[in-house]
């Protein structure tokens, strides 16, 4: 993956994290597939506000696709920290908020 500040170009030939979101029943994430369809190693960890690990996922042979993946977990409304590593490199690190669903 390469980002050029000069040309504002983002080369999307390799796996990267496209989106990450939370729902009451898990973590939903989407990865950009590699141009050559080669697998990638992924490690995902989700912590709650108190620093407890509430979900983990690891796969050393994941073939990314255009479809989103869901890591099942029972989540309550609140603030969570998500970290995703791809091939041992940091691919995503952010705080995500899960709100109460209102109908």
N, C-alpha and C. Protein backbone atom coordinates (compact mmCIF):
# COMPACT_ATOMS: atom_id res chain seq x y z
N UNK A 1 0.86 -1.17 0.00
CA UNK A 1 0.00 0.00 0.00
C UNK A 1 0.90 1.23 0.00
N UNK A 2 0.55 2.18 -0.82
CA UNK A 2 1.32 3.42 -0.88
C UNK A 2 0.38 4.61 -0.92
N UNK A 3 0.73 5.65 -0.18
CA UNK A 3 -0.02 6.90 -0.22
C UNK A 3 0.95 7.99 -0.63
N UNK A 4 0.57 8.77 -1.61
CA UNK A 4 1.41 9.87 -2.07
C UNK A 4 0.73 11.19 -1.74
N UNK A 5 1.38 11.99 -0.91
CA UNK A 5 0.84 13.32 -0.59
C UNK A 5 0.93 14.25 -1.80
N UNK A 6 1.92 14.01 -2.66
CA UNK A 6 2.10 14.88 -3.82
C UNK A 6 0.93 14.80 -4.78
N UNK A 7 0.48 13.58 -5.06
CA UNK A 7 -0.57 13.40 -6.05
C UNK A 7 -1.92 13.01 -5.44
N UNK A 8 -1.95 12.85 -4.12
CA UNK A 8 -3.18 12.40 -3.44
C UNK A 8 -3.66 11.07 -4.03
N UNK A 9 -2.72 10.14 -4.20
CA UNK A 9 -3.00 8.85 -4.80
C UNK A 9 -2.92 7.77 -3.73
N UNK A 10 -3.84 6.85 -3.78
CA UNK A 10 -3.85 5.71 -2.87
C UNK A 10 -3.89 4.45 -3.71
N UNK A 11 -2.82 3.67 -3.64
CA UNK A 11 -2.73 2.44 -4.42
C UNK A 11 -3.38 1.31 -3.64
N UNK A 12 -4.41 0.69 -4.23
CA UNK A 12 -5.21 -0.32 -3.53
C UNK A 12 -4.93 -1.72 -4.04
N UNK A 13 -3.67 -2.08 -4.22
CA UNK A 13 -3.33 -3.39 -4.76
C UNK A 13 -3.27 -4.47 -3.68
N UNK A 14 -3.15 -4.08 -2.43
CA UNK A 14 -2.96 -5.06 -1.37
C UNK A 14 -4.06 -4.94 -0.32
N UNK A 15 -4.09 -5.87 0.61
CA UNK A 15 -5.14 -5.90 1.62
C UNK A 15 -5.02 -4.70 2.56
N UNK A 16 -6.13 -4.04 2.80
CA UNK A 16 -6.22 -3.00 3.82
C UNK A 16 -7.62 -2.99 4.38
N UNK A 17 -7.79 -2.35 5.54
CA UNK A 17 -9.09 -2.29 6.20
C UNK A 17 -9.94 -1.24 5.52
N UNK A 18 -11.08 -1.67 5.01
CA UNK A 18 -12.01 -0.78 4.31
C UNK A 18 -12.96 -0.11 5.32
N UNK A 19 -13.63 -0.91 6.14
CA UNK A 19 -14.58 -0.38 7.14
C UNK A 19 -14.57 -1.27 8.39
N UNK A 20 -14.93 -0.66 9.50
CA UNK A 20 -15.12 -1.37 10.77
C UNK A 20 -16.30 -0.72 11.46
N UNK A 21 -17.22 -1.55 11.96
CA UNK A 21 -18.36 -1.02 12.71
C UNK A 21 -18.76 -2.03 13.78
N UNK A 22 -19.56 -1.56 14.73
CA UNK A 22 -20.02 -2.41 15.82
C UNK A 22 -21.53 -2.57 15.75
N UNK A 23 -21.98 -3.73 16.20
CA UNK A 23 -23.41 -3.98 16.38
C UNK A 23 -23.56 -4.72 17.70
N UNK A 24 -24.77 -4.88 18.17
CA UNK A 24 -25.00 -5.56 19.44
C UNK A 24 -24.51 -7.00 19.42
N UNK A 25 -24.39 -7.58 18.23
CA UNK A 25 -23.98 -8.98 18.15
C UNK A 25 -22.60 -9.18 17.51
N UNK A 26 -21.77 -8.12 17.46
CA UNK A 26 -20.41 -8.34 17.00
C UNK A 26 -19.75 -7.17 16.31
N UNK A 27 -18.57 -7.46 15.79
CA UNK A 27 -17.76 -6.50 15.05
C UNK A 27 -17.85 -6.84 13.57
N UNK A 28 -18.19 -5.87 12.76
CA UNK A 28 -18.30 -6.06 11.32
C UNK A 28 -17.13 -5.31 10.67
N UNK A 29 -16.37 -6.02 9.84
CA UNK A 29 -15.25 -5.37 9.17
C UNK A 29 -15.17 -5.84 7.73
N UNK A 30 -14.64 -4.96 6.90
CA UNK A 30 -14.48 -5.28 5.49
C UNK A 30 -13.05 -4.96 5.08
N UNK A 31 -12.44 -5.88 4.37
CA UNK A 31 -11.08 -5.73 3.90
C UNK A 31 -11.05 -5.61 2.39
N UNK A 32 -10.16 -4.78 1.90
CA UNK A 32 -9.96 -4.70 0.45
C UNK A 32 -9.17 -5.94 0.01
N UNK A 33 -9.67 -6.69 -0.98
CA UNK A 33 -8.92 -7.86 -1.43
C UNK A 33 -7.66 -7.47 -2.21
N UNK A 34 -6.64 -8.31 -2.11
CA UNK A 34 -5.40 -8.10 -2.87
C UNK A 34 -5.65 -8.27 -4.36
N UNK A 35 -4.87 -7.61 -5.17
CA UNK A 35 -4.98 -7.72 -6.63
C UNK A 35 -4.66 -9.12 -7.12
N UNK A 36 -3.83 -9.86 -6.37
CA UNK A 36 -3.43 -11.21 -6.80
C UNK A 36 -4.14 -12.31 -6.01
N UNK A 37 -5.12 -11.96 -5.20
CA UNK A 37 -5.93 -12.90 -4.40
C UNK A 37 -5.13 -13.69 -3.37
N UNK A 38 -3.92 -13.27 -3.06
CA UNK A 38 -3.11 -13.96 -2.05
C UNK A 38 -3.72 -13.75 -0.66
N UNK A 39 -3.57 -14.73 0.22
CA UNK A 39 -4.13 -14.58 1.58
C UNK A 39 -3.32 -13.60 2.41
N UNK A 40 -3.95 -13.13 3.47
CA UNK A 40 -3.29 -12.22 4.42
C UNK A 40 -3.51 -12.76 5.83
N UNK A 41 -2.60 -12.43 6.71
CA UNK A 41 -2.76 -12.78 8.12
C UNK A 41 -3.46 -11.61 8.80
N UNK A 42 -4.50 -11.91 9.59
CA UNK A 42 -5.24 -10.87 10.30
C UNK A 42 -5.32 -11.21 11.78
N UNK A 43 -5.16 -10.19 12.60
CA UNK A 43 -5.38 -10.29 14.04
C UNK A 43 -6.25 -9.10 14.43
N UNK A 44 -7.41 -9.39 14.99
CA UNK A 44 -8.34 -8.35 15.42
C UNK A 44 -8.58 -8.50 16.92
N UNK A 45 -8.49 -7.40 17.65
CA UNK A 45 -8.79 -7.39 19.08
C UNK A 45 -9.69 -6.22 19.38
N UNK A 46 -10.71 -6.48 20.21
CA UNK A 46 -11.64 -5.44 20.63
C UNK A 46 -11.64 -5.39 22.16
N UNK A 47 -11.41 -4.19 22.71
CA UNK A 47 -11.42 -3.96 24.15
C UNK A 47 -12.61 -3.10 24.53
N UNK A 48 -13.15 -3.31 25.74
CA UNK A 48 -14.20 -2.43 26.23
C UNK A 48 -13.55 -1.22 26.90
N UNK A 49 -14.37 -0.32 27.42
CA UNK A 49 -13.89 0.93 28.02
C UNK A 49 -12.99 0.68 29.23
N UNK A 50 -13.22 -0.44 29.92
CA UNK A 50 -12.43 -0.78 31.11
C UNK A 50 -11.14 -1.53 30.77
N UNK A 51 -10.86 -1.72 29.49
CA UNK A 51 -9.62 -2.36 29.07
C UNK A 51 -9.68 -3.88 29.01
N UNK A 52 -10.87 -4.45 29.12
CA UNK A 52 -11.02 -5.90 29.01
C UNK A 52 -11.18 -6.30 27.55
N UNK A 53 -10.50 -7.38 27.17
CA UNK A 53 -10.67 -7.91 25.82
C UNK A 53 -12.04 -8.57 25.73
N UNK A 54 -12.85 -8.13 24.78
CA UNK A 54 -14.21 -8.68 24.63
C UNK A 54 -14.37 -9.51 23.36
N UNK A 55 -13.41 -9.40 22.43
CA UNK A 55 -13.48 -10.20 21.20
C UNK A 55 -12.10 -10.25 20.57
N UNK A 56 -11.75 -11.43 20.05
CA UNK A 56 -10.51 -11.58 19.31
C UNK A 56 -10.75 -12.47 18.10
N UNK A 57 -9.97 -12.24 17.08
CA UNK A 57 -10.04 -13.07 15.88
C UNK A 57 -8.65 -13.11 15.27
N UNK A 58 -8.23 -14.27 14.86
CA UNK A 58 -6.93 -14.42 14.22
C UNK A 58 -7.03 -15.47 13.12
N UNK A 59 -6.46 -15.16 11.97
CA UNK A 59 -6.45 -16.08 10.85
C UNK A 59 -5.19 -15.79 10.04
N UNK A 60 -4.33 -16.77 9.89
CA UNK A 60 -3.09 -16.55 9.16
C UNK A 60 -3.24 -16.77 7.66
N UNK A 61 -4.45 -17.12 7.22
CA UNK A 61 -4.65 -17.45 5.81
C UNK A 61 -5.98 -16.90 5.30
N UNK A 62 -6.31 -15.68 5.66
CA UNK A 62 -7.59 -15.09 5.28
C UNK A 62 -7.53 -14.57 3.86
N UNK A 63 -8.49 -14.94 3.07
CA UNK A 63 -8.61 -14.41 1.72
C UNK A 63 -9.69 -13.33 1.73
N UNK A 64 -9.24 -12.09 1.67
CA UNK A 64 -10.16 -10.96 1.72
C UNK A 64 -11.07 -10.98 0.51
N UNK A 65 -12.28 -10.54 0.71
CA UNK A 65 -13.24 -10.44 -0.39
C UNK A 65 -14.02 -9.15 -0.24
N UNK A 66 -14.86 -8.88 -1.18
CA UNK A 66 -15.65 -7.65 -1.15
C UNK A 66 -16.75 -7.72 -0.09
N UNK A 67 -17.01 -8.90 0.44
CA UNK A 67 -18.08 -9.03 1.44
C UNK A 67 -17.55 -8.71 2.83
N UNK A 68 -18.39 -8.15 3.69
CA UNK A 68 -17.97 -7.89 5.06
C UNK A 68 -17.91 -9.18 5.89
N UNK A 69 -17.05 -9.18 6.89
CA UNK A 69 -16.92 -10.28 7.83
C UNK A 69 -17.54 -9.86 9.15
N UNK A 70 -18.05 -10.81 9.91
CA UNK A 70 -18.61 -10.49 11.22
C UNK A 70 -17.98 -11.38 12.27
N UNK A 71 -17.39 -10.75 13.27
CA UNK A 71 -16.84 -11.45 14.42
C UNK A 71 -17.92 -11.43 15.50
N UNK A 72 -18.54 -12.57 15.79
CA UNK A 72 -19.62 -12.59 16.78
C UNK A 72 -19.12 -12.23 18.18
N UNK A 73 -19.87 -11.38 18.85
CA UNK A 73 -19.61 -10.99 20.24
C UNK A 73 -20.86 -10.30 20.76
N UNK A 74 -21.17 -10.50 22.01
CA UNK A 74 -22.29 -9.80 22.64
C UNK A 74 -21.75 -8.49 23.18
N UNK A 75 -22.20 -7.37 22.58
CA UNK A 75 -21.70 -6.06 22.96
C UNK A 75 -22.81 -5.19 23.52
N UNK A 76 -22.50 -4.50 24.59
CA UNK A 76 -23.42 -3.53 25.20
C UNK A 76 -23.08 -2.15 24.67
N UNK A 77 -24.02 -1.22 24.73
CA UNK A 77 -23.70 0.14 24.31
C UNK A 77 -22.50 0.68 25.11
N UNK A 78 -21.64 1.40 24.43
CA UNK A 78 -20.47 1.96 25.09
C UNK A 78 -19.35 2.23 24.10
N UNK A 79 -18.19 2.55 24.66
CA UNK A 79 -17.02 2.87 23.86
C UNK A 79 -16.07 1.68 23.84
N UNK A 80 -15.54 1.35 22.67
CA UNK A 80 -14.65 0.21 22.48
C UNK A 80 -13.43 0.65 21.69
N UNK A 81 -12.32 -0.06 21.91
CA UNK A 81 -11.11 0.17 21.11
C UNK A 81 -10.90 -1.05 20.23
N UNK A 82 -10.73 -0.82 18.94
CA UNK A 82 -10.50 -1.90 17.98
C UNK A 82 -9.13 -1.74 17.36
N UNK A 83 -8.39 -2.86 17.28
CA UNK A 83 -7.09 -2.88 16.63
C UNK A 83 -7.07 -4.06 15.66
N UNK A 84 -6.70 -3.78 14.42
CA UNK A 84 -6.56 -4.83 13.41
C UNK A 84 -5.15 -4.76 12.86
N UNK A 85 -4.48 -5.90 12.87
CA UNK A 85 -3.16 -6.03 12.26
C UNK A 85 -3.29 -6.92 11.03
N UNK A 86 -2.67 -6.49 9.95
CA UNK A 86 -2.65 -7.25 8.70
C UNK A 86 -1.21 -7.59 8.38
N UNK A 87 -0.93 -8.87 8.27
CA UNK A 87 0.44 -9.33 8.00
C UNK A 87 1.43 -8.73 9.00
N UNK A 88 0.99 -8.62 10.26
CA UNK A 88 1.86 -8.13 11.32
C UNK A 88 1.98 -6.63 11.42
N UNK A 89 1.34 -5.90 10.52
CA UNK A 89 1.42 -4.43 10.51
C UNK A 89 0.09 -3.83 10.94
N UNK A 90 0.14 -2.70 11.61
CA UNK A 90 -1.07 -2.03 12.06
C UNK A 90 -1.89 -1.59 10.86
N UNK A 91 -3.13 -2.07 10.79
CA UNK A 91 -4.02 -1.72 9.69
C UNK A 91 -5.18 -0.85 10.13
N UNK A 92 -5.51 -0.90 11.43
CA UNK A 92 -6.63 -0.12 11.95
C UNK A 92 -6.48 0.00 13.46
N UNK A 93 -6.68 1.20 14.00
CA UNK A 93 -6.66 1.43 15.43
C UNK A 93 -7.56 2.62 15.70
N UNK A 94 -8.70 2.36 16.35
CA UNK A 94 -9.65 3.45 16.58
C UNK A 94 -10.58 3.10 17.73
N UNK A 95 -11.16 4.14 18.29
CA UNK A 95 -12.23 3.97 19.27
C UNK A 95 -13.55 4.03 18.53
N UNK A 96 -14.42 3.09 18.83
CA UNK A 96 -15.73 3.00 18.19
C UNK A 96 -16.81 3.03 19.26
N UNK A 97 -17.88 3.72 18.98
CA UNK A 97 -18.98 3.83 19.94
C UNK A 97 -20.18 3.03 19.45
N UNK A 98 -20.72 2.24 20.34
CA UNK A 98 -21.94 1.51 20.06
C UNK A 98 -23.06 2.18 20.84
N UNK A 99 -24.04 2.71 20.14
CA UNK A 99 -25.16 3.40 20.76
C UNK A 99 -26.33 2.47 20.94
N UNK A 100 -27.26 2.85 21.82
CA UNK A 100 -28.52 2.13 21.94
C UNK A 100 -29.28 2.26 20.64
N UNK A 101 -29.88 1.18 20.19
CA UNK A 101 -30.71 1.23 18.99
C UNK A 101 -32.04 1.88 19.35
N UNK A 102 -32.42 2.87 18.59
CA UNK A 102 -33.71 3.50 18.86
C UNK A 102 -34.66 3.26 17.70
N UNK A 103 -35.88 2.92 18.05
CA UNK A 103 -36.88 2.63 17.01
C UNK A 103 -38.01 3.60 17.12
